[in-house]
Amino acid sequence: MIQSMLSVAVVIGIAVLIGFRPTASPAEWIAAIGVLAMISFALIWLSVALGLVSKSVETASNLPMFLMLLPFLGSGFVPTDSMPTGVRWFAEYQPFTPVTETLRGLLLGTPIGNNAIIAVAWCAGIALLGYLWARRLYIRHPVR
């Protein structure tokens, strides 16, 4: 979690250096950091479970790779309204779109709507699922 948040800090620092100018207040920055911490925590637990289910080191490192594609199939780069119907439907109902829209709203002042609630729900659900799955796998195979 610490490594993940340090990586986020480096990315934000570089973004500011190359011209990103957020309009967020200190409270909005704290909320944005909280959202980033929630999604990091959730993805870490999901990755732990995927690592435990793997049969080899190579599989463990490659199994979570599909998670890297999800932000590209969300609203991070283009508005979902401009996407073809099938892709738009997927983009609107996957976890990274509400997280992206919440962060965009907090840092740039765009409307958030109910995206913050949906982002928290996705993060809590993924974290709980990942934790329970990892715990079950670890208990079932205590010797590794």
N, C-alpha and C. Protein backbone atom coordinates (compact mmCIF):
# COMPACT_ATOMS: atom_id res chain seq x y z
N MET A 1 0.83 -1.19 0.00
CA MET A 1 0.00 0.00 0.00
C MET A 1 0.88 1.26 0.00
N ILE A 2 1.94 1.21 0.79
CA ILE A 2 2.85 2.36 0.85
C ILE A 2 3.51 2.57 -0.51
N GLN A 3 3.97 1.49 -1.12
CA GLN A 3 4.60 1.58 -2.44
C GLN A 3 3.61 2.13 -3.47
N SER A 4 2.39 1.69 -3.41
CA SER A 4 1.36 2.15 -4.33
C SER A 4 1.11 3.65 -4.16
N MET A 5 0.98 4.10 -2.95
CA MET A 5 0.71 5.52 -2.71
C MET A 5 1.91 6.39 -3.05
N LEU A 6 3.13 5.87 -2.84
CA LEU A 6 4.31 6.62 -3.26
C LEU A 6 4.36 6.75 -4.78
N SER A 7 3.96 5.69 -5.48
CA SER A 7 3.90 5.74 -6.94
C SER A 7 2.89 6.78 -7.41
N VAL A 8 1.75 6.83 -6.75
CA VAL A 8 0.73 7.83 -7.09
C VAL A 8 1.28 9.24 -6.85
N ALA A 9 2.01 9.43 -5.77
CA ALA A 9 2.59 10.75 -5.47
C ALA A 9 3.59 11.15 -6.55
N VAL A 10 4.39 10.20 -7.02
CA VAL A 10 5.35 10.49 -8.09
C VAL A 10 4.61 10.88 -9.38
N VAL A 11 3.57 10.14 -9.72
CA VAL A 11 2.80 10.44 -10.93
C VAL A 11 2.15 11.83 -10.83
N ILE A 12 1.57 12.14 -9.68
CA ILE A 12 0.96 13.47 -9.50
C ILE A 12 2.03 14.56 -9.59
N GLY A 13 3.18 14.32 -8.98
CA GLY A 13 4.27 15.30 -9.05
C GLY A 13 4.73 15.56 -10.47
N ILE A 14 4.88 14.50 -11.24
CA ILE A 14 5.29 14.65 -12.65
C ILE A 14 4.19 15.35 -13.44
N ALA A 15 2.93 15.00 -13.16
CA ALA A 15 1.82 15.66 -13.87
C ALA A 15 1.83 17.16 -13.62
N VAL A 16 2.07 17.56 -12.38
CA VAL A 16 2.12 18.99 -12.05
C VAL A 16 3.32 19.64 -12.74
N LEU A 17 4.45 18.94 -12.78
CA LEU A 17 5.64 19.48 -13.45
C LEU A 17 5.43 19.71 -14.94
N ILE A 18 4.63 18.86 -15.58
CA ILE A 18 4.44 19.01 -17.03
C ILE A 18 3.19 19.82 -17.38
N GLY A 19 2.51 20.38 -16.37
CA GLY A 19 1.45 21.33 -16.69
C GLY A 19 0.06 21.05 -16.13
N PHE A 20 -0.15 19.96 -15.42
CA PHE A 20 -1.46 19.70 -14.82
C PHE A 20 -1.69 20.70 -13.70
N ARG A 21 -2.78 21.43 -13.79
CA ARG A 21 -3.10 22.45 -12.80
C ARG A 21 -4.47 22.18 -12.18
N PRO A 22 -4.52 21.36 -11.12
CA PRO A 22 -5.80 21.08 -10.47
C PRO A 22 -6.31 22.32 -9.74
N THR A 23 -7.63 22.39 -9.62
CA THR A 23 -8.27 23.51 -8.92
C THR A 23 -8.80 23.08 -7.56
N ALA A 24 -8.32 21.98 -7.05
CA ALA A 24 -8.86 21.38 -5.82
C ALA A 24 -8.43 22.16 -4.58
N SER A 25 -9.36 22.18 -3.62
CA SER A 25 -9.06 22.75 -2.31
C SER A 25 -8.33 21.68 -1.49
N PRO A 26 -7.77 22.04 -0.34
CA PRO A 26 -7.12 21.02 0.50
C PRO A 26 -8.05 19.86 0.87
N ALA A 27 -9.32 20.17 1.15
CA ALA A 27 -10.28 19.10 1.49
C ALA A 27 -10.52 18.18 0.29
N GLU A 28 -10.57 18.76 -0.91
CA GLU A 28 -10.75 17.94 -2.10
C GLU A 28 -9.52 17.09 -2.39
N TRP A 29 -8.33 17.61 -2.10
CA TRP A 29 -7.12 16.82 -2.24
C TRP A 29 -7.13 15.64 -1.29
N ILE A 30 -7.54 15.87 -0.06
CA ILE A 30 -7.61 14.78 0.93
C ILE A 30 -8.61 13.73 0.47
N ALA A 31 -9.76 14.17 -0.06
CA ALA A 31 -10.75 13.22 -0.56
C ALA A 31 -10.21 12.44 -1.76
N ALA A 32 -9.49 13.13 -2.65
CA ALA A 32 -8.91 12.45 -3.82
C ALA A 32 -7.87 11.41 -3.39
N ILE A 33 -7.05 11.76 -2.42
CA ILE A 33 -6.08 10.80 -1.89
C ILE A 33 -6.79 9.62 -1.25
N GLY A 34 -7.91 9.89 -0.58
CA GLY A 34 -8.71 8.80 -0.01
C GLY A 34 -9.27 7.87 -1.07
N VAL A 35 -9.74 8.43 -2.17
CA VAL A 35 -10.26 7.60 -3.27
C VAL A 35 -9.14 6.77 -3.86
N LEU A 36 -7.98 7.37 -4.08
CA LEU A 36 -6.84 6.63 -4.61
C LEU A 36 -6.39 5.53 -3.64
N ALA A 37 -6.42 5.82 -2.35
CA ALA A 37 -6.06 4.79 -1.36
C ALA A 37 -7.08 3.65 -1.37
N MET A 38 -8.36 3.98 -1.52
CA MET A 38 -9.39 2.92 -1.55
C MET A 38 -9.21 2.00 -2.74
N ILE A 39 -9.01 2.57 -3.93
CA ILE A 39 -8.87 1.72 -5.11
C ILE A 39 -7.56 0.93 -5.03
N SER A 40 -6.51 1.52 -4.49
CA SER A 40 -5.25 0.79 -4.32
C SER A 40 -5.43 -0.38 -3.36
N PHE A 41 -6.07 -0.13 -2.23
CA PHE A 41 -6.31 -1.17 -1.24
C PHE A 41 -7.13 -2.31 -1.84
N ALA A 42 -8.16 -1.97 -2.59
CA ALA A 42 -9.01 -3.00 -3.20
C ALA A 42 -8.23 -3.82 -4.22
N LEU A 43 -7.46 -3.17 -5.07
CA LEU A 43 -6.71 -3.89 -6.09
C LEU A 43 -5.57 -4.70 -5.50
N ILE A 44 -5.01 -4.23 -4.40
CA ILE A 44 -3.96 -5.01 -3.73
C ILE A 44 -4.53 -6.33 -3.21
N TRP A 45 -5.70 -6.28 -2.56
CA TRP A 45 -6.28 -7.53 -2.05
C TRP A 45 -6.69 -8.46 -3.19
N LEU A 46 -7.20 -7.91 -4.27
CA LEU A 46 -7.54 -8.75 -5.41
C LEU A 46 -6.28 -9.38 -6.00
N SER A 47 -5.20 -8.62 -6.07
CA SER A 47 -3.94 -9.14 -6.59
C SER A 47 -3.34 -10.20 -5.66
N VAL A 48 -3.51 -10.03 -4.36
CA VAL A 48 -3.04 -11.06 -3.41
C VAL A 48 -3.77 -12.37 -3.68
N ALA A 49 -5.08 -12.30 -3.85
CA ALA A 49 -5.86 -13.50 -4.13
C ALA A 49 -5.43 -14.13 -5.45
N LEU A 50 -5.23 -13.31 -6.47
CA LEU A 50 -4.80 -13.83 -7.76
C LEU A 50 -3.41 -14.45 -7.66
N GLY A 51 -2.55 -13.90 -6.83
CA GLY A 51 -1.22 -14.48 -6.61
C GLY A 51 -1.30 -15.81 -5.90
N LEU A 52 -2.21 -15.92 -4.93
CA LEU A 52 -2.35 -17.18 -4.19
C LEU A 52 -2.96 -18.29 -5.03
N VAL A 53 -3.78 -17.94 -5.99
CA VAL A 53 -4.42 -18.95 -6.84
C VAL A 53 -3.46 -19.44 -7.93
N SER A 54 -2.37 -18.72 -8.14
CA SER A 54 -1.43 -19.05 -9.21
C SER A 54 -0.57 -20.25 -8.85
N LYS A 55 -0.16 -20.98 -9.86
CA LYS A 55 0.66 -22.17 -9.67
C LYS A 55 2.15 -21.88 -9.77
N SER A 56 2.53 -20.73 -10.38
CA SER A 56 3.95 -20.40 -10.51
C SER A 56 4.14 -18.90 -10.32
N VAL A 57 5.39 -18.53 -10.18
CA VAL A 57 5.73 -17.11 -10.01
C VAL A 57 5.35 -16.32 -11.26
N GLU A 58 5.57 -16.90 -12.43
CA GLU A 58 5.25 -16.21 -13.68
C GLU A 58 3.76 -15.97 -13.79
N THR A 59 2.97 -16.97 -13.44
CA THR A 59 1.52 -16.81 -13.49
C THR A 59 1.06 -15.77 -12.47
N ALA A 60 1.66 -15.80 -11.30
CA ALA A 60 1.28 -14.84 -10.25
C ALA A 60 1.54 -13.41 -10.68
N SER A 61 2.62 -13.18 -11.42
CA SER A 61 2.92 -11.81 -11.85
C SER A 61 2.09 -11.39 -13.05
N ASN A 62 1.64 -12.34 -13.85
CA ASN A 62 0.90 -12.00 -15.07
C ASN A 62 -0.62 -12.05 -14.91
N LEU A 63 -1.12 -12.76 -13.94
CA LEU A 63 -2.57 -12.91 -13.80
C LEU A 63 -3.31 -11.59 -13.56
N PRO A 64 -2.78 -10.68 -12.75
CA PRO A 64 -3.49 -9.40 -12.57
C PRO A 64 -3.35 -8.41 -13.72
N MET A 65 -2.67 -8.77 -14.80
CA MET A 65 -2.43 -7.85 -15.91
C MET A 65 -3.71 -7.34 -16.55
N PHE A 66 -4.78 -8.13 -16.57
CA PHE A 66 -6.03 -7.68 -17.18
C PHE A 66 -6.56 -6.44 -16.49
N LEU A 67 -6.20 -6.25 -15.23
CA LEU A 67 -6.65 -5.06 -14.49
C LEU A 67 -6.08 -3.78 -15.10
N MET A 68 -4.92 -3.90 -15.76
CA MET A 68 -4.31 -2.71 -16.38
C MET A 68 -5.09 -2.24 -17.59
N LEU A 69 -5.87 -3.11 -18.20
CA LEU A 69 -6.65 -2.73 -19.38
C LEU A 69 -7.93 -1.98 -19.02
N LEU A 70 -8.47 -2.22 -17.84
CA LEU A 70 -9.76 -1.63 -17.48
C LEU A 70 -9.80 -0.11 -17.53
N PRO A 71 -8.77 0.61 -17.07
CA PRO A 71 -8.85 2.08 -17.19
C PRO A 71 -8.95 2.56 -18.63
N PHE A 72 -8.37 1.81 -19.57
CA PHE A 72 -8.45 2.19 -20.97
C PHE A 72 -9.84 1.97 -21.54
N LEU A 73 -10.62 1.11 -20.90
CA LEU A 73 -11.99 0.85 -21.34
C LEU A 73 -12.99 1.58 -20.44
N GLY A 74 -12.58 2.71 -19.93
CA GLY A 74 -13.43 3.54 -19.08
C GLY A 74 -13.41 4.97 -19.60
N SER A 75 -13.75 5.89 -18.72
CA SER A 75 -13.86 7.29 -19.13
C SER A 75 -12.58 8.08 -18.88
N GLY A 76 -11.47 7.41 -18.68
CA GLY A 76 -10.22 8.11 -18.39
C GLY A 76 -9.68 8.91 -19.55
N PHE A 77 -9.93 8.48 -20.78
CA PHE A 77 -9.34 9.15 -21.94
C PHE A 77 -10.37 9.83 -22.82
N VAL A 78 -11.53 9.21 -22.96
CA VAL A 78 -12.61 9.80 -23.77
C VAL A 78 -13.92 9.66 -23.01
N PRO A 79 -14.85 10.58 -23.23
CA PRO A 79 -16.15 10.46 -22.57
C PRO A 79 -16.86 9.19 -23.04
N THR A 80 -17.58 8.55 -22.14
CA THR A 80 -18.27 7.31 -22.50
C THR A 80 -19.35 7.56 -23.55
N ASP A 81 -19.88 8.78 -23.64
CA ASP A 81 -20.90 9.09 -24.65
C ASP A 81 -20.38 8.96 -26.08
N SER A 82 -19.07 9.08 -26.26
CA SER A 82 -18.50 9.01 -27.59
C SER A 82 -18.13 7.58 -28.02
N MET A 83 -18.35 6.62 -27.15
CA MET A 83 -17.97 5.24 -27.44
C MET A 83 -19.09 4.49 -28.15
N PRO A 84 -18.73 3.43 -28.92
CA PRO A 84 -19.77 2.57 -29.49
C PRO A 84 -20.61 1.94 -28.38
N THR A 85 -21.81 1.53 -28.70
CA THR A 85 -22.78 1.09 -27.70
C THR A 85 -22.25 0.01 -26.76
N GLY A 86 -21.69 -1.06 -27.30
CA GLY A 86 -21.20 -2.16 -26.45
C GLY A 86 -20.08 -1.73 -25.53
N VAL A 87 -19.13 -0.97 -26.07
CA VAL A 87 -18.02 -0.48 -25.27
C VAL A 87 -18.52 0.54 -24.25
N ARG A 88 -19.45 1.39 -24.66
CA ARG A 88 -20.01 2.39 -23.74
C ARG A 88 -20.67 1.71 -22.55
N TRP A 89 -21.46 0.67 -22.82
CA TRP A 89 -22.15 -0.04 -21.73
C TRP A 89 -21.12 -0.60 -20.75
N PHE A 90 -20.08 -1.25 -21.28
CA PHE A 90 -19.05 -1.81 -20.41
C PHE A 90 -18.34 -0.71 -19.64
N ALA A 91 -17.99 0.37 -20.32
CA ALA A 91 -17.27 1.47 -19.69
C ALA A 91 -18.07 2.12 -18.57
N GLU A 92 -19.37 2.24 -18.74
CA GLU A 92 -20.18 2.90 -17.73
C GLU A 92 -20.39 2.05 -16.48
N TYR A 93 -20.24 0.73 -16.60
CA TYR A 93 -20.54 -0.15 -15.47
C TYR A 93 -19.33 -0.89 -14.93
N GLN A 94 -18.15 -0.47 -15.27
CA GLN A 94 -16.95 -1.09 -14.70
C GLN A 94 -16.40 -0.19 -13.60
N PRO A 95 -15.57 -0.71 -12.71
CA PRO A 95 -15.18 0.05 -11.51
C PRO A 95 -14.33 1.29 -11.76
N PHE A 96 -13.56 1.35 -12.82
CA PHE A 96 -12.66 2.48 -12.99
C PHE A 96 -13.35 3.75 -13.44
N THR A 97 -14.48 3.65 -14.11
CA THR A 97 -15.17 4.86 -14.56
C THR A 97 -15.66 5.72 -13.40
N PRO A 98 -16.36 5.18 -12.39
CA PRO A 98 -16.77 6.06 -11.29
C PRO A 98 -15.58 6.58 -10.48
N VAL A 99 -14.52 5.79 -10.37
CA VAL A 99 -13.33 6.27 -9.66
C VAL A 99 -12.71 7.43 -10.45
N THR A 100 -12.58 7.27 -11.75
CA THR A 100 -12.01 8.32 -12.60
C THR A 100 -12.87 9.59 -12.54
N GLU A 101 -14.18 9.42 -12.66
CA GLU A 101 -15.07 10.59 -12.64
C GLU A 101 -15.04 11.29 -11.28
N THR A 102 -14.92 10.52 -10.20
CA THR A 102 -14.82 11.12 -8.86
C THR A 102 -13.53 11.90 -8.72
N LEU A 103 -12.42 11.31 -9.15
CA LEU A 103 -11.13 12.01 -9.08
C LEU A 103 -11.13 13.26 -9.95
N ARG A 104 -11.69 13.14 -11.15
CA ARG A 104 -11.78 14.29 -12.06
C ARG A 104 -12.61 15.40 -11.40
N GLY A 105 -13.72 15.03 -10.79
CA GLY A 105 -14.56 16.02 -10.14
C GLY A 105 -13.88 16.69 -8.96
N LEU A 106 -13.17 15.89 -8.16
CA LEU A 106 -12.50 16.45 -6.99
C LEU A 106 -11.34 17.37 -7.38
N LEU A 107 -10.56 16.96 -8.36
CA LEU A 107 -9.36 17.73 -8.70
C LEU A 107 -9.61 18.86 -9.69
N LEU A 108 -10.63 18.71 -10.55
CA LEU A 108 -10.86 19.72 -11.59
C LEU A 108 -12.17 20.47 -11.44
N GLY A 109 -12.98 20.08 -10.48
CA GLY A 109 -14.22 20.80 -10.25
C GLY A 109 -15.36 20.41 -11.16
N THR A 110 -15.27 19.30 -11.86
CA THR A 110 -16.37 18.85 -12.71
C THR A 110 -17.42 18.16 -11.83
N PRO A 111 -18.65 18.02 -12.31
CA PRO A 111 -19.69 17.39 -11.49
C PRO A 111 -19.35 15.93 -11.18
N ILE A 112 -19.60 15.53 -9.94
CA ILE A 112 -19.33 14.16 -9.50
C ILE A 112 -20.60 13.31 -9.56
N GLY A 113 -21.73 13.93 -9.24
CA GLY A 113 -22.99 13.17 -9.22
C GLY A 113 -22.92 12.06 -8.19
N ASN A 114 -23.40 10.87 -8.57
CA ASN A 114 -23.38 9.75 -7.64
C ASN A 114 -22.16 8.86 -7.86
N ASN A 115 -21.19 9.32 -8.64
CA ASN A 115 -19.99 8.53 -8.91
C ASN A 115 -19.18 8.22 -7.65
N ALA A 116 -19.15 9.14 -6.69
CA ALA A 116 -18.38 8.90 -5.47
C ALA A 116 -18.96 7.72 -4.70
N ILE A 117 -20.28 7.66 -4.60
CA ILE A 117 -20.92 6.55 -3.88
C ILE A 117 -20.66 5.23 -4.61
N ILE A 118 -20.77 5.26 -5.94
CA ILE A 118 -20.53 4.05 -6.73
C ILE A 118 -19.06 3.63 -6.61
N ALA A 119 -18.14 4.59 -6.62
CA ALA A 119 -16.71 4.27 -6.49
C ALA A 119 -16.42 3.63 -5.14
N VAL A 120 -16.99 4.18 -4.08
CA VAL A 120 -16.79 3.60 -2.74
C VAL A 120 -17.36 2.19 -2.69
N ALA A 121 -18.53 1.99 -3.28
CA ALA A 121 -19.14 0.66 -3.29
C ALA A 121 -18.28 -0.34 -4.07
N TRP A 122 -17.78 0.06 -5.24
CA TRP A 122 -16.90 -0.82 -6.01
C TRP A 122 -15.65 -1.16 -5.22
N CYS A 123 -15.03 -0.16 -4.62
CA CYS A 123 -13.79 -0.38 -3.85
C CYS A 123 -14.04 -1.31 -2.67
N ALA A 124 -15.12 -1.08 -1.94
CA ALA A 124 -15.43 -1.93 -0.79
C ALA A 124 -15.72 -3.36 -1.25
N GLY A 125 -16.48 -3.49 -2.32
CA GLY A 125 -16.81 -4.83 -2.83
C GLY A 125 -15.58 -5.59 -3.32
N ILE A 126 -14.73 -4.93 -4.08
CA ILE A 126 -13.51 -5.58 -4.59
C ILE A 126 -12.58 -5.93 -3.44
N ALA A 127 -12.42 -5.02 -2.48
CA ALA A 127 -11.54 -5.29 -1.34
C ALA A 127 -12.06 -6.46 -0.52
N LEU A 128 -13.36 -6.47 -0.26
CA LEU A 128 -13.94 -7.56 0.53
C LEU A 128 -13.82 -8.89 -0.21
N LEU A 129 -14.16 -8.90 -1.49
CA LEU A 129 -14.04 -10.11 -2.28
C LEU A 129 -12.60 -10.60 -2.33
N GLY A 130 -11.66 -9.69 -2.60
CA GLY A 130 -10.25 -10.07 -2.64
C GLY A 130 -9.75 -10.59 -1.32
N TYR A 131 -10.12 -9.92 -0.23
CA TYR A 131 -9.68 -10.36 1.11
C TYR A 131 -10.24 -11.74 1.44
N LEU A 132 -11.55 -11.93 1.25
CA LEU A 132 -12.16 -13.21 1.58
C LEU A 132 -11.61 -14.34 0.72
N TRP A 133 -11.41 -14.07 -0.56
CA TRP A 133 -10.86 -15.06 -1.47
C TRP A 133 -9.41 -15.41 -1.07
N ALA A 134 -8.60 -14.38 -0.80
CA ALA A 134 -7.20 -14.61 -0.41
C ALA A 134 -7.13 -15.36 0.92
N ARG A 135 -7.97 -15.00 1.85
CA ARG A 135 -7.98 -15.68 3.15
C ARG A 135 -8.36 -17.15 3.00
N ARG A 136 -9.36 -17.41 2.19
CA ARG A 136 -9.78 -18.79 1.95
C ARG A 136 -8.66 -19.60 1.31
N LEU A 137 -8.01 -19.02 0.31
CA LEU A 137 -6.90 -19.71 -0.35
C LEU A 137 -5.73 -19.93 0.60
N TYR A 138 -5.43 -18.97 1.43
CA TYR A 138 -4.32 -19.08 2.35
C TYR A 138 -4.59 -20.13 3.43
N ILE A 139 -5.80 -20.15 3.96
CA ILE A 139 -6.16 -21.13 4.98
C ILE A 139 -6.17 -22.53 4.40
N ARG A 140 -6.64 -22.66 3.17
CA ARG A 140 -6.72 -23.97 2.53
C ARG A 140 -5.31 -24.52 2.25
N HIS A 141 -4.38 -23.65 1.91
CA HIS A 141 -3.02 -24.06 1.59
C HIS A 141 -2.04 -23.32 2.51
N PRO A 142 -1.99 -23.70 3.80
CA PRO A 142 -1.17 -22.93 4.72
C PRO A 142 0.35 -23.05 4.48
N VAL A 143 0.79 -24.12 3.83
CA VAL A 143 2.21 -24.29 3.59
C VAL A 143 2.53 -23.90 2.15
N ARG A 144 3.32 -22.87 1.99
CA ARG A 144 3.70 -22.42 0.64
C ARG A 144 5.19 -22.29 0.58
